[in-house]
N, C-alpha and C. Protein backbone atom coordinates (compact mmCIF):
# COMPACT_ATOMS: atom_id res chain seq x y z
N MET A 1 59.34 104.49 95.26
CA MET A 1 60.48 103.62 96.11
C MET A 1 61.92 102.91 95.60
N HIS A 2 61.04 102.25 94.14
CA HIS A 2 62.50 101.89 93.26
C HIS A 2 63.01 102.63 92.57
N ALA A 3 62.36 103.59 92.24
CA ALA A 3 62.81 105.01 91.48
C ALA A 3 64.47 105.81 92.46
N SER A 4 63.87 105.79 93.67
CA SER A 4 64.59 106.61 94.55
C SER A 4 65.85 105.54 95.15
N ALA A 5 65.87 104.35 95.04
CA ALA A 5 66.73 103.60 95.12
C ALA A 5 67.67 103.45 93.83
N SER A 6 66.97 103.54 92.44
CA SER A 6 67.92 103.47 91.30
C SER A 6 68.76 104.99 91.50
N ALA A 7 68.04 105.75 91.62
CA ALA A 7 68.84 107.66 91.82
C ALA A 7 69.85 106.95 92.89
N SER A 8 69.90 106.54 93.70
CA SER A 8 71.11 106.67 94.48
C SER A 8 71.93 106.05 94.62
N ALA A 9 71.65 104.44 93.61
CA ALA A 9 72.59 103.61 93.16
C ALA A 9 73.53 104.39 92.03
N SER A 10 72.64 105.14 90.94
CA SER A 10 73.33 105.69 90.08
C SER A 10 74.53 106.93 90.89
N ALA A 11 73.99 107.57 91.61
CA ALA A 11 74.31 108.99 92.14
C ALA A 11 75.77 107.97 93.17
N SER A 12 75.97 106.65 93.24
CA SER A 12 76.91 106.14 94.16
C SER A 12 77.99 105.62 92.86
N ALA A 13 77.45 105.34 92.07
CA ALA A 13 78.24 105.04 91.08
C ALA A 13 78.84 106.16 90.02
N GLU A 14 78.36 107.34 90.14
CA GLU A 14 79.02 108.08 89.96
C GLU A 14 80.10 108.97 90.64
N GLN A 15 79.69 108.76 91.94
CA GLN A 15 80.45 109.51 92.68
C GLN A 15 81.82 108.24 92.75
N ALA A 16 81.91 107.28 92.66
CA ALA A 16 82.67 105.95 92.88
C ALA A 16 83.83 106.61 91.41
N GLY A 17 83.12 106.78 90.56
CA GLY A 17 83.79 107.01 89.16
C GLY A 17 84.81 108.30 89.23
N THR A 18 84.54 109.17 90.57
CA THR A 18 85.58 110.42 90.61
C THR A 18 86.41 110.06 91.65
N GLY A 19 86.23 108.86 91.97
CA GLY A 19 87.26 108.60 93.59
C GLY A 19 86.45 109.12 94.50
N GLN A 20 84.84 109.58 94.67
CA GLN A 20 84.79 110.25 95.58
C GLN A 20 83.83 109.58 96.41
N ALA A 21 83.92 109.90 97.54
CA ALA A 21 83.00 109.05 99.03
C ALA A 21 81.73 109.11 98.76
N SER A 22 80.84 108.30 99.30
CA SER A 22 79.69 108.60 99.05
C SER A 22 78.99 109.51 100.15
N PRO A 23 77.67 110.12 100.08
CA PRO A 23 77.43 111.11 101.50
C PRO A 23 77.15 109.39 102.53
N GLY A 24 76.24 108.43 101.88
CA GLY A 24 76.28 107.39 102.73
C GLY A 24 77.19 106.90 103.60
N GLN A 25 78.48 107.28 103.00
CA GLN A 25 79.61 106.43 103.94
C GLN A 25 80.02 107.43 105.12
N THR A 26 79.49 108.44 105.38
CA THR A 26 79.77 109.20 106.23
C THR A 26 79.34 108.62 107.61
N GLY A 27 78.30 108.16 107.55
CA GLY A 27 77.63 107.54 108.88
C GLY A 27 77.56 108.64 109.81
N THR A 28 76.69 108.26 111.02
CA THR A 28 77.08 109.17 112.46
C THR A 28 77.79 108.88 113.05
N GLY A 29 78.32 110.33 113.35
CA GLY A 29 79.88 110.61 114.01
C GLY A 29 80.89 110.39 113.39
N GLY A 30 80.84 110.34 111.80
CA GLY A 30 81.89 110.46 111.16
C GLY A 30 82.71 109.34 110.88
N ARG A 31 81.81 108.10 110.81
CA ARG A 31 82.39 106.75 111.21
C ARG A 31 82.97 106.45 109.59
N ARG A 32 82.85 107.07 108.99
CA ARG A 32 83.75 107.29 107.64
C ARG A 32 84.96 107.27 107.94
N LEU A 33 85.36 108.38 108.72
CA LEU A 33 86.43 109.12 108.99
C LEU A 33 87.47 108.23 110.35
N ARG A 34 86.79 107.03 110.54
CA ARG A 34 87.44 106.71 112.25
C ARG A 34 88.12 105.47 111.67
N TRP A 35 89.27 105.54 111.86
CA TRP A 35 90.54 104.49 112.11
C TRP A 35 89.88 103.07 112.48
N ARG A 36 90.14 101.96 111.74
CA ARG A 36 89.97 100.65 112.17
C ARG A 36 90.85 99.99 112.76
N VAL A 37 91.17 98.68 112.79
CA VAL A 37 92.62 98.43 113.22
C VAL A 37 93.07 97.58 112.35
N VAL A 38 92.58 97.46 111.05
CA VAL A 38 92.77 97.17 109.85
C VAL A 38 93.46 98.43 108.89
N ASP A 39 93.19 99.50 109.72
CA ASP A 39 93.66 100.95 108.90
C ASP A 39 94.82 100.88 109.53
N ILE A 40 95.15 100.81 110.61
CA ILE A 40 96.41 100.45 111.45
C ILE A 40 97.45 99.65 110.98
N VAL A 41 96.80 98.52 110.84
CA VAL A 41 97.68 97.44 110.12
C VAL A 41 98.42 97.55 109.08
N VAL A 42 97.46 98.13 108.10
CA VAL A 42 97.99 98.44 106.60
C VAL A 42 98.63 99.15 106.82
N ALA A 43 98.53 100.65 107.09
CA ALA A 43 99.32 101.93 107.17
C ALA A 43 100.48 101.13 107.79
N SER A 44 100.76 100.78 108.87
CA SER A 44 102.06 100.09 109.38
C SER A 44 102.95 99.06 108.54
N VAL A 45 102.22 98.41 107.88
CA VAL A 45 103.03 97.24 106.95
C VAL A 45 103.55 98.06 105.62
N VAL A 46 102.34 98.92 105.29
CA VAL A 46 102.89 100.02 103.91
C VAL A 46 104.40 100.54 104.77
N GLY A 47 103.84 101.58 105.32
CA GLY A 47 105.44 102.06 106.33
C GLY A 47 106.69 101.27 106.26
N VAL A 48 106.22 100.24 106.69
CA VAL A 48 107.57 99.69 106.79
C VAL A 48 107.98 98.86 105.91
N ALA A 49 107.17 98.31 104.57
CA ALA A 49 108.33 98.03 103.66
C ALA A 49 108.52 99.52 102.66
N VAL A 50 108.19 100.30 102.57
CA VAL A 50 108.50 101.80 101.96
C VAL A 50 109.67 101.91 102.28
N GLY A 51 109.77 101.96 103.93
CA GLY A 51 110.82 102.12 104.63
C GLY A 51 112.22 101.69 103.76
N VAL A 52 112.16 100.44 104.15
CA VAL A 52 113.43 99.59 103.31
C VAL A 52 113.63 99.76 102.21
N VAL A 53 112.56 100.51 101.05
CA VAL A 53 112.73 101.07 99.74
C VAL A 53 113.23 102.53 100.53
N PHE A 54 112.99 103.03 101.15
CA PHE A 54 113.57 104.54 101.31
C PHE A 54 115.16 103.97 101.85
N TRP A 55 115.53 103.34 102.22
CA TRP A 55 116.94 103.15 103.22
C TRP A 55 117.74 102.38 101.86
N ALA A 56 117.41 101.75 100.94
CA ALA A 56 117.87 101.20 99.70
C ALA A 56 118.27 102.30 98.77
N TRP A 57 117.24 103.31 98.35
CA TRP A 57 117.47 104.43 97.89
C TRP A 57 118.59 105.46 98.72
N GLY A 58 118.53 105.20 100.03
CA GLY A 58 119.49 106.14 100.39
C GLY A 58 121.20 105.71 100.11
N VAL A 59 120.99 104.25 100.20
CA VAL A 59 122.47 103.71 99.70
C VAL A 59 122.60 104.04 98.49
N ILE A 60 122.20 104.33 97.60
CA ILE A 60 122.81 104.63 96.21
C ILE A 60 122.44 105.90 95.95
N TRP A 61 122.06 106.89 96.59
CA TRP A 61 121.52 108.24 96.69
C TRP A 61 122.58 108.80 95.76
N GLY A 62 124.15 108.65 96.47
CA GLY A 62 125.55 109.34 95.94
C GLY A 62 125.51 109.32 94.61
N PRO A 63 125.37 107.97 94.15
CA PRO A 63 126.17 108.14 92.72
C PRO A 63 124.91 108.24 91.38
N ILE A 64 123.65 108.21 92.02
CA ILE A 64 122.49 108.81 91.17
C ILE A 64 122.55 109.91 91.40
N SER A 65 122.57 110.94 92.37
CA SER A 65 122.26 112.51 92.53
C SER A 65 123.83 113.44 91.90
N ALA A 66 124.73 112.61 92.11
CA ALA A 66 125.92 113.54 91.93
C ALA A 66 125.45 113.77 90.26
N PRO A 67 125.28 112.97 89.25
CA PRO A 67 125.88 113.64 87.82
C PRO A 67 124.50 114.50 87.54
N ILE A 68 123.40 114.08 88.15
CA ILE A 68 122.04 115.13 87.67
C ILE A 68 122.65 116.40 88.91
N GLU A 69 123.15 116.75 89.68
CA GLU A 69 123.42 117.63 90.53
C GLU A 69 124.40 118.55 89.30
N ALA A 70 125.58 117.67 88.75
CA ALA A 70 126.62 118.48 88.33
C ALA A 70 126.07 118.90 87.04
N LEU A 71 124.91 118.23 86.31
CA LEU A 71 124.36 118.48 84.85
C LEU A 71 123.67 120.02 85.12
N LEU A 72 122.91 119.87 86.52
CA LEU A 72 121.89 121.31 86.56
C LEU A 72 121.19 121.12 87.96
N PRO A 73 122.45 122.27 89.15
CA PRO A 73 122.71 122.16 90.65
C PRO A 73 120.75 121.91 90.56
N GLY A 74 120.30 121.58 91.62
CA GLY A 74 119.07 121.67 92.01
C GLY A 74 117.91 121.19 91.50
N LEU A 75 118.43 120.13 90.31
CA LEU A 75 117.58 119.23 89.77
C LEU A 75 117.36 117.91 90.27
N GLN A 76 118.76 117.60 91.27
CA GLN A 76 118.28 116.19 92.28
C GLN A 76 117.28 116.29 92.87
N ALA A 77 116.52 117.42 93.04
CA ALA A 77 115.04 117.03 93.61
C ALA A 77 114.29 116.31 93.00
N ALA A 78 114.38 116.25 91.97
CA ALA A 78 113.36 115.23 91.27
C ALA A 78 113.44 114.03 91.81
N PRO A 79 114.10 113.27 91.68
CA PRO A 79 114.81 111.80 92.11
C PRO A 79 114.22 111.80 93.58
N ALA A 80 114.95 112.75 94.09
CA ALA A 80 114.55 112.77 95.74
C ALA A 80 113.35 112.18 96.15
N ALA A 81 112.24 112.61 94.87
CA ALA A 81 110.69 112.34 95.07
C ALA A 81 110.41 110.80 96.17
N LEU A 82 111.33 109.97 95.60
CA LEU A 82 110.94 108.66 95.94
C LEU A 82 110.61 108.58 97.13
N TRP A 83 111.52 109.55 98.27
CA TRP A 83 110.93 109.70 99.30
C TRP A 83 109.97 109.92 100.02
N LEU A 84 109.19 110.67 98.83
CA LEU A 84 107.70 111.30 99.26
C LEU A 84 106.63 109.97 99.16
N VAL A 85 106.87 108.78 98.57
CA VAL A 85 105.56 107.87 97.91
C VAL A 85 104.99 107.26 99.10
N ALA A 86 105.56 107.13 100.18
CA ALA A 86 104.67 106.09 101.28
C ALA A 86 103.96 107.14 101.85
N GLY A 87 103.81 108.38 101.98
CA GLY A 87 102.40 109.18 102.06
C GLY A 87 101.36 108.86 101.57
N VAL A 88 101.56 109.32 99.91
CA VAL A 88 100.64 109.07 99.07
C VAL A 88 100.31 107.66 98.98
N ILE A 89 100.88 106.71 99.29
CA ILE A 89 100.24 105.35 98.83
C ILE A 89 99.21 105.07 100.66
N GLY A 90 99.81 105.46 101.45
CA GLY A 90 98.72 105.62 102.47
C GLY A 90 97.87 106.04 102.77
N GLY A 91 97.54 107.40 102.01
CA GLY A 91 96.68 108.36 102.18
C GLY A 91 95.27 107.54 101.09
N LEU A 92 95.71 107.29 99.93
CA LEU A 92 95.16 106.45 99.04
C LEU A 92 94.53 105.18 99.16
N ILE A 93 95.11 104.53 100.41
CA ILE A 93 94.76 103.25 100.62
C ILE A 93 93.76 103.17 101.92
N VAL A 94 93.98 103.87 103.06
CA VAL A 94 93.44 103.86 104.10
C VAL A 94 91.96 105.19 104.14
N ARG A 95 92.65 106.20 103.55
CA ARG A 95 91.62 107.70 103.39
C ARG A 95 90.70 108.00 104.78
N LYS A 96 91.98 107.82 105.24
CA LYS A 96 91.49 108.34 106.83
C LYS A 96 92.49 109.75 107.15
N PRO A 97 92.05 110.78 107.97
CA PRO A 97 93.07 111.69 108.49
C PRO A 97 93.83 111.24 109.07
N GLY A 98 95.45 111.68 108.86
CA GLY A 98 96.67 111.23 109.46
C GLY A 98 97.13 110.14 108.98
N ALA A 99 96.44 109.66 107.43
CA ALA A 99 96.79 108.34 106.95
C ALA A 99 98.11 108.64 106.43
N ALA A 100 98.30 109.46 105.63
CA ALA A 100 99.77 110.03 104.97
C ALA A 100 100.47 110.38 105.64
N ILE A 101 100.64 110.94 106.71
CA ILE A 101 101.49 111.38 107.93
C ILE A 101 102.05 110.04 108.27
N THR A 102 100.69 109.24 108.63
CA THR A 102 101.41 108.25 109.54
C THR A 102 102.31 107.21 108.55
N THR A 103 101.85 106.72 107.40
CA THR A 103 102.68 105.89 106.40
C THR A 103 103.80 106.14 106.42
N GLU A 104 104.11 108.00 105.83
CA GLU A 104 105.43 108.46 105.34
C GLU A 104 106.22 108.52 106.85
N LEU A 105 106.06 108.65 108.10
CA LEU A 105 106.67 108.87 109.06
C LEU A 105 106.95 107.44 109.34
N VAL A 106 106.11 106.40 109.34
CA VAL A 106 106.38 104.87 109.61
C VAL A 106 108.03 104.31 108.96
N ALA A 107 107.69 104.64 107.24
CA ALA A 107 108.96 104.51 106.19
C ALA A 107 109.95 105.11 106.98
N ALA A 108 109.73 106.51 107.46
CA ALA A 108 110.84 107.82 107.86
C ALA A 108 111.49 106.66 109.11
N VAL A 109 110.97 106.14 109.93
CA VAL A 109 111.31 105.75 111.34
C VAL A 109 112.08 104.58 111.00
N VAL A 110 111.43 103.63 109.97
CA VAL A 110 112.22 102.43 109.76
C VAL A 110 113.74 102.85 109.06
N SER A 111 113.21 103.63 107.80
CA SER A 111 114.80 103.88 107.66
C SER A 111 115.79 104.56 108.40
N ALA A 112 115.36 105.23 109.39
CA ALA A 112 116.39 105.87 110.06
C ALA A 112 117.07 104.75 110.94
N LEU A 113 116.01 103.38 111.67
CA LEU A 113 116.39 102.39 112.39
C LEU A 113 117.71 101.67 111.41
N ILE A 114 117.15 101.49 110.54
CA ILE A 114 118.24 100.67 109.80
C ILE A 114 119.80 101.29 109.81
N GLY A 115 119.44 102.89 108.98
CA GLY A 115 120.63 103.44 109.44
C GLY A 115 120.71 104.24 108.03
N SER A 116 120.27 105.87 108.65
CA SER A 116 120.51 106.98 107.23
C SER A 116 121.40 107.57 107.59
N GLN A 117 122.04 107.87 106.45
CA GLN A 117 123.45 109.13 106.12
C GLN A 117 123.20 109.94 106.76
N TRP A 118 121.53 110.27 107.16
CA TRP A 118 121.34 111.66 107.26
C TRP A 118 121.09 111.52 108.89
N GLY A 119 121.27 110.92 109.68
CA GLY A 119 121.09 110.64 110.79
C GLY A 119 119.22 110.61 111.26
N GLY A 120 119.49 109.72 112.52
CA GLY A 120 117.74 109.39 112.51
C GLY A 120 117.30 110.43 112.33
N LEU A 121 117.28 111.51 113.74
CA LEU A 121 116.58 112.73 113.73
C LEU A 121 116.12 113.13 112.59
N LEU A 122 116.98 113.51 111.85
CA LEU A 122 116.71 114.66 110.71
C LEU A 122 115.71 113.55 109.72
N THR A 123 116.08 112.58 109.71
CA THR A 123 115.10 111.33 108.50
C THR A 123 113.67 111.49 109.33
N ILE A 124 113.84 111.49 110.53
CA ILE A 124 112.29 111.17 110.68
C ILE A 124 111.54 112.48 110.86
N GLU A 125 112.34 113.80 111.21
CA GLU A 125 111.61 114.99 111.07
C GLU A 125 111.28 115.49 109.36
N ALA A 126 112.29 115.15 108.44
CA ALA A 126 111.81 115.10 107.19
C ALA A 126 110.62 114.23 106.78
N GLY A 127 110.22 112.92 107.22
CA GLY A 127 109.27 112.07 107.08
C GLY A 127 107.83 112.78 107.63
N LEU A 128 108.09 113.27 108.80
CA LEU A 128 106.84 114.16 109.45
C LEU A 128 106.61 115.06 108.36
N VAL A 129 107.70 116.03 107.67
CA VAL A 129 106.97 117.52 107.19
C VAL A 129 106.77 116.87 105.93
N GLN A 130 107.16 115.92 105.29
CA GLN A 130 106.40 115.42 103.99
C GLN A 130 105.53 114.68 103.83
N GLY A 131 105.15 113.99 104.78
CA GLY A 131 103.66 113.14 105.10
C GLY A 131 102.97 114.32 105.31
N LEU A 132 102.96 115.50 105.65
CA LEU A 132 102.36 116.90 106.40
C LEU A 132 101.62 117.23 104.37
N GLY A 133 103.06 117.03 103.97
CA GLY A 133 102.58 118.06 102.60
C GLY A 133 101.24 117.35 101.65
N ALA A 134 101.39 115.64 101.89
CA ALA A 134 100.75 115.17 101.09
C ALA A 134 99.10 115.55 101.65
N GLU A 135 99.36 114.93 103.28
CA GLU A 135 98.45 115.28 103.71
C GLU A 135 97.06 116.54 103.88
N LEU A 136 98.00 117.58 103.89
CA LEU A 136 97.16 118.70 103.42
C LEU A 136 96.28 118.74 102.31
N VAL A 137 96.91 118.09 101.03
CA VAL A 137 96.05 118.30 99.85
C VAL A 137 95.08 117.03 100.11
N PHE A 138 95.01 115.90 100.64
CA PHE A 138 93.73 115.02 101.02
C PHE A 138 92.76 115.86 101.74
N ALA A 139 93.79 116.18 102.50
CA ALA A 139 92.61 117.18 103.60
C ALA A 139 91.32 118.44 102.86
N LEU A 140 92.30 118.65 102.00
CA LEU A 140 91.74 119.92 100.85
C LEU A 140 90.60 119.44 100.44
N PHE A 141 90.80 118.13 99.92
CA PHE A 141 89.48 117.54 99.20
C PHE A 141 88.94 116.56 100.15
N LEU A 142 88.85 116.91 101.82
CA LEU A 142 87.74 116.95 102.77
C LEU A 142 88.02 115.37 102.62
N TYR A 143 89.03 114.24 102.36
CA TYR A 143 89.05 113.06 102.46
C TYR A 143 87.98 112.37 101.58
N ARG A 144 87.64 113.23 100.41
CA ARG A 144 86.42 112.46 99.71
C ARG A 144 86.78 111.96 98.05
N ARG A 145 88.03 112.49 97.64
CA ARG A 145 88.78 112.29 96.21
C ARG A 145 89.55 111.78 96.63
N TRP A 146 89.91 110.56 95.19
CA TRP A 146 90.78 109.66 95.45
C TRP A 146 91.29 109.42 94.24
N ASN A 147 91.41 110.34 93.58
CA ASN A 147 91.30 110.01 92.05
C ASN A 147 92.89 109.88 91.43
N LEU A 148 93.20 109.92 90.10
CA LEU A 148 95.04 110.28 89.45
C LEU A 148 95.37 111.80 90.01
N PRO A 149 94.63 112.49 89.58
CA PRO A 149 94.80 114.22 89.75
C PRO A 149 94.72 114.33 91.23
N VAL A 150 93.72 113.57 92.23
CA VAL A 150 94.65 113.94 93.76
C VAL A 150 95.39 113.62 94.10
N ALA A 151 95.93 112.49 93.47
CA ALA A 151 97.32 111.60 94.09
C ALA A 151 98.43 112.79 93.39
N LEU A 152 98.26 112.95 91.96
CA LEU A 152 99.70 113.94 91.53
C LEU A 152 99.45 115.23 92.36
N LEU A 153 98.56 115.65 92.83
CA LEU A 153 98.54 117.26 93.78
C LEU A 153 99.26 116.53 95.29
N ALA A 154 98.46 115.27 95.52
CA ALA A 154 99.33 115.17 97.02
C ALA A 154 100.59 114.45 96.73
N GLY A 155 101.26 114.43 95.68
CA GLY A 155 102.77 114.23 95.47
C GLY A 155 103.75 115.74 95.69
N ALA A 156 102.98 115.71 94.51
CA ALA A 156 103.54 117.65 94.70
C ALA A 156 103.45 118.33 95.84
N GLY A 157 102.36 118.42 96.91
CA GLY A 157 102.29 118.87 97.70
C GLY A 157 103.61 118.46 99.03
N ALA A 158 103.99 116.95 98.65
CA ALA A 158 104.87 116.59 99.35
C ALA A 158 106.26 117.36 98.80
N GLY A 159 105.96 117.06 97.60
CA GLY A 159 107.02 117.78 97.11
C GLY A 159 107.67 119.24 97.38
N LEU A 160 106.39 119.79 97.49
CA LEU A 160 106.79 121.19 97.89
C LEU A 160 107.28 121.33 99.87
N ALA A 161 106.55 120.48 100.42
CA ALA A 161 107.27 120.34 101.46
C ALA A 161 108.78 120.02 101.63
N MET A 162 108.92 119.12 100.99
CA MET A 162 110.24 118.28 101.00
C MET A 162 111.29 119.41 100.46
N ALA A 163 111.00 120.13 99.67
CA ALA A 163 111.69 121.42 99.03
C ALA A 163 112.05 122.57 100.17
N ILE A 164 110.71 122.85 101.04
CA ILE A 164 110.79 124.01 101.92
C ILE A 164 111.83 123.71 103.31
N ASN A 165 111.74 122.18 103.39
CA ASN A 165 112.55 121.50 104.21
C ASN A 165 113.84 121.63 104.24
N ASP A 166 114.25 120.68 103.12
CA ASP A 166 115.62 120.99 102.73
C ASP A 166 116.64 122.48 102.71
N LEU A 167 116.03 123.06 101.84
CA LEU A 167 116.16 124.20 101.82
C LEU A 167 116.45 125.08 103.07
N VAL A 168 115.75 125.02 103.90
CA VAL A 168 115.94 125.61 105.30
C VAL A 168 117.09 124.89 106.04
N LEU A 169 116.98 123.42 106.13
CA LEU A 169 118.22 122.89 106.73
C LEU A 169 119.21 122.58 106.14
N TRP A 170 119.00 122.42 104.73
CA TRP A 170 120.69 121.58 103.99
C TRP A 170 121.21 122.91 103.20
N TYR A 171 120.32 123.46 102.58
CA TYR A 171 120.88 124.22 101.47
C TYR A 171 120.31 125.94 101.89
N ALA A 172 120.48 126.51 103.14
CA ALA A 172 120.17 127.73 103.81
C ALA A 172 121.17 128.58 102.90
N GLY A 173 120.60 129.58 102.45
CA GLY A 173 121.82 130.58 101.64
C GLY A 173 121.80 130.49 100.45
N ALA A 174 121.32 129.56 100.25
CA ALA A 174 121.37 129.19 98.08
C ALA A 174 120.96 130.36 97.88
N ALA A 175 121.82 130.51 96.23
CA ALA A 175 121.16 131.50 95.15
C ALA A 175 119.78 131.31 95.05
N PRO A 176 119.49 132.35 94.84
CA PRO A 176 117.62 132.11 93.84
C PRO A 176 117.45 131.49 93.20
N ALA A 177 118.31 130.99 92.06
CA ALA A 177 118.38 130.40 90.86
C ALA A 177 118.33 128.97 91.44
N PHE A 178 119.17 128.66 92.19
CA PHE A 178 119.23 126.97 92.77
C PHE A 178 117.94 126.89 93.61
N THR A 179 117.53 127.52 94.34
CA THR A 179 116.15 127.96 95.05
C THR A 179 115.08 127.49 94.39
N ALA A 180 115.19 128.19 93.07
CA ALA A 180 114.07 127.79 92.05
C ALA A 180 114.12 126.50 91.60
N ILE A 181 115.00 126.22 90.74
CA ILE A 181 115.17 124.87 90.42
C ILE A 181 114.91 123.53 91.78
N TYR A 182 115.23 124.05 92.50
CA TYR A 182 115.31 122.83 93.31
C TYR A 182 113.60 122.59 93.65
N THR A 183 113.23 123.80 93.94
CA THR A 183 111.40 123.99 94.07
C THR A 183 110.60 123.19 93.25
N VAL A 184 110.99 123.55 92.13
CA VAL A 184 110.25 123.13 90.94
C VAL A 184 110.37 121.80 90.65
N SER A 185 111.67 121.38 90.97
CA SER A 185 112.00 119.75 90.84
C SER A 185 111.75 119.20 91.47
N ALA A 186 111.38 119.37 92.85
CA ALA A 186 110.84 118.62 93.64
C ALA A 186 109.50 118.42 93.67
N ILE A 187 108.62 119.46 93.04
CA ILE A 187 107.07 119.82 92.86
C ILE A 187 106.83 118.68 91.70
N VAL A 188 107.48 118.72 90.48
CA VAL A 188 107.36 118.10 89.66
C VAL A 188 107.78 116.67 89.94
N GLY A 189 108.74 116.25 90.62
CA GLY A 189 109.02 114.97 90.73
C GLY A 189 108.19 114.25 91.81
N GLY A 190 107.83 114.94 92.87
CA GLY A 190 106.39 114.95 93.74
C GLY A 190 105.62 114.19 93.18
N ALA A 191 105.10 115.25 92.13
CA ALA A 191 103.63 114.64 91.18
C ALA A 191 103.85 113.13 90.47
N LEU A 192 105.25 113.49 89.86
CA LEU A 192 105.08 112.30 88.81
C LEU A 192 105.61 110.74 89.43
N ILE A 193 106.61 111.03 90.59
CA ILE A 193 106.95 110.21 91.46
C ILE A 193 105.96 109.36 92.00
N ALA A 194 106.12 110.38 93.51
CA ALA A 194 105.22 109.64 94.29
C ALA A 194 104.06 110.03 94.07
N GLY A 195 103.43 111.08 93.43
CA GLY A 195 102.15 110.71 93.39
C GLY A 195 101.71 109.51 92.17
N GLY A 196 102.14 109.79 90.96
CA GLY A 196 101.77 108.78 89.79
C GLY A 196 102.05 107.59 90.28
N LEU A 197 103.17 107.09 90.58
CA LEU A 197 103.86 106.15 90.75
C LEU A 197 102.97 105.37 92.34
N GLY A 198 102.98 106.49 93.17
CA GLY A 198 101.95 105.84 94.16
C GLY A 198 100.74 105.41 93.96
N TRP A 199 100.01 105.79 92.61
CA TRP A 199 98.53 105.70 92.55
C TRP A 199 98.40 104.36 91.71
N LEU A 200 99.24 104.23 90.93
CA LEU A 200 99.69 103.44 90.06
C LEU A 200 99.94 101.74 91.01
N ALA A 201 100.71 102.05 92.23
CA ALA A 201 101.38 100.91 93.14
C ALA A 201 99.90 100.77 93.56
N VAL A 202 99.03 101.29 94.16
CA VAL A 202 97.51 101.44 94.90
C VAL A 202 96.98 100.51 93.75
N ARG A 203 96.97 100.74 92.82
CA ARG A 203 96.11 100.10 91.66
C ARG A 203 96.74 98.62 91.22
N GLY A 204 97.95 98.61 91.61
CA GLY A 204 98.40 97.25 91.53
C GLY A 204 98.12 96.08 92.72
N LEU A 205 98.16 96.98 93.45
CA LEU A 205 97.58 95.89 94.76
C LEU A 205 95.97 96.12 94.87
N ALA A 206 95.58 96.62 94.76
CA ALA A 206 93.84 96.18 94.59
C ALA A 206 93.88 95.31 93.58
N ARG A 207 94.11 95.13 92.36
CA ARG A 207 93.93 94.37 91.35
C ARG A 207 94.28 92.84 91.72
N ALA A 208 95.53 93.06 92.30
CA ALA A 208 96.07 91.75 93.00
C ALA A 208 95.41 91.04 94.36
N GLY A 209 94.05 91.65 94.47
CA GLY A 209 93.28 91.71 95.68
C GLY A 209 93.80 91.83 97.36
N ALA A 210 94.61 92.32 97.18
CA ALA A 210 95.67 92.59 98.55
C ALA A 210 94.76 93.94 99.19
N LEU A 211 93.59 94.42 98.48
CA LEU A 211 92.89 95.60 99.25
C LEU A 211 91.38 95.27 99.45
N GLN A 212 91.17 94.28 99.29
CA GLN A 212 89.60 93.73 99.59
C GLN A 212 88.85 94.71 100.51
N ARG A 213 89.65 94.81 101.85
CA ARG A 213 88.68 95.50 103.07
C ARG A 213 88.89 96.64 102.90
N PHE A 214 89.20 97.71 101.83
CA PHE A 214 89.19 99.00 101.30
C PHE A 214 88.67 99.33 100.14
N ALA A 215 88.07 100.58 100.16
CA ALA A 215 87.46 101.18 99.25
C ALA A 215 87.85 101.12 97.71
N ALA A 216 88.94 101.19 97.79
CA ALA A 216 90.41 101.39 96.90
C ALA A 216 90.42 99.83 96.02
N GLY A 217 90.13 98.84 96.87
CA GLY A 217 90.11 97.58 96.24
C GLY A 217 88.70 97.61 95.69
N ARG A 218 87.38 97.60 95.98
CA ARG A 218 86.45 97.54 95.87
C ARG A 218 86.49 98.30 94.25
N GLU A 219 86.66 99.65 94.26
CA GLU A 219 86.44 100.43 93.16
C GLU A 219 87.23 99.69 92.22
N THR A 220 88.41 99.25 92.43
CA THR A 220 89.28 98.70 91.14
C THR A 220 88.72 97.70 90.92
N ALA A 221 87.97 97.09 91.96
CA ALA A 221 87.31 95.35 90.94
C ALA A 221 85.99 96.14 90.48
N ARG A 222 85.59 97.15 90.15
CA ARG A 222 84.40 97.28 89.84
C ARG A 222 84.41 98.16 88.91
N GLY A 223 86.10 98.49 88.87
CA GLY A 223 86.69 99.69 87.39
C GLY A 223 86.01 101.05 87.49
N ALA A 224 85.86 101.36 88.62
CA ALA A 224 85.24 102.62 88.92
C ALA A 224 86.27 103.48 88.95
N VAL A 225 87.36 103.08 88.76
CA VAL A 225 88.53 104.57 89.19
C VAL A 225 89.88 103.99 87.94
């Protein structure tokens, strides 16, 4: 009995070390994947906070993107990846189906309500598509792995979704070279900015004690990830 308990504890520790959910967390009826009130609240709060950042980034976007685009047309997609970070952060914290989409969408709505130069509907549509890009990566891992590599892949997925959306809506008929540069820049920027910075942001919140009711906070407290 003691040996069994020890083996179980060891397995749980190993899974925590890779950011993987313990089988015991699934519960009957998939309790692990059910949203709690605190999940809804935190996803909304994160979405609102990041939405203000999105709006501010849009205000200064022109002076930032113009020289980058002049240097190499299409490269401006890399810094645009900051608009993808909400979905990655929401997914890493809440760890439930729909968390990435919800958080990114809330951020887009807030940005649109404050005032977006790209218009309200297109801003919200972009948030939905970009959140879906990150969500699909988390779903690919069955909402069980939450380490840095998965965060980077989620950011890259959001970047690919952003590139496809932008090339269809804003750059239709663009030259193949521009399309390739824009797509690669969006994917790399998404991985590094949305994925990497998003993962670091969640780690920072956890270390500050703001995520004690979430697995991300408990794992960081144990030094598991």
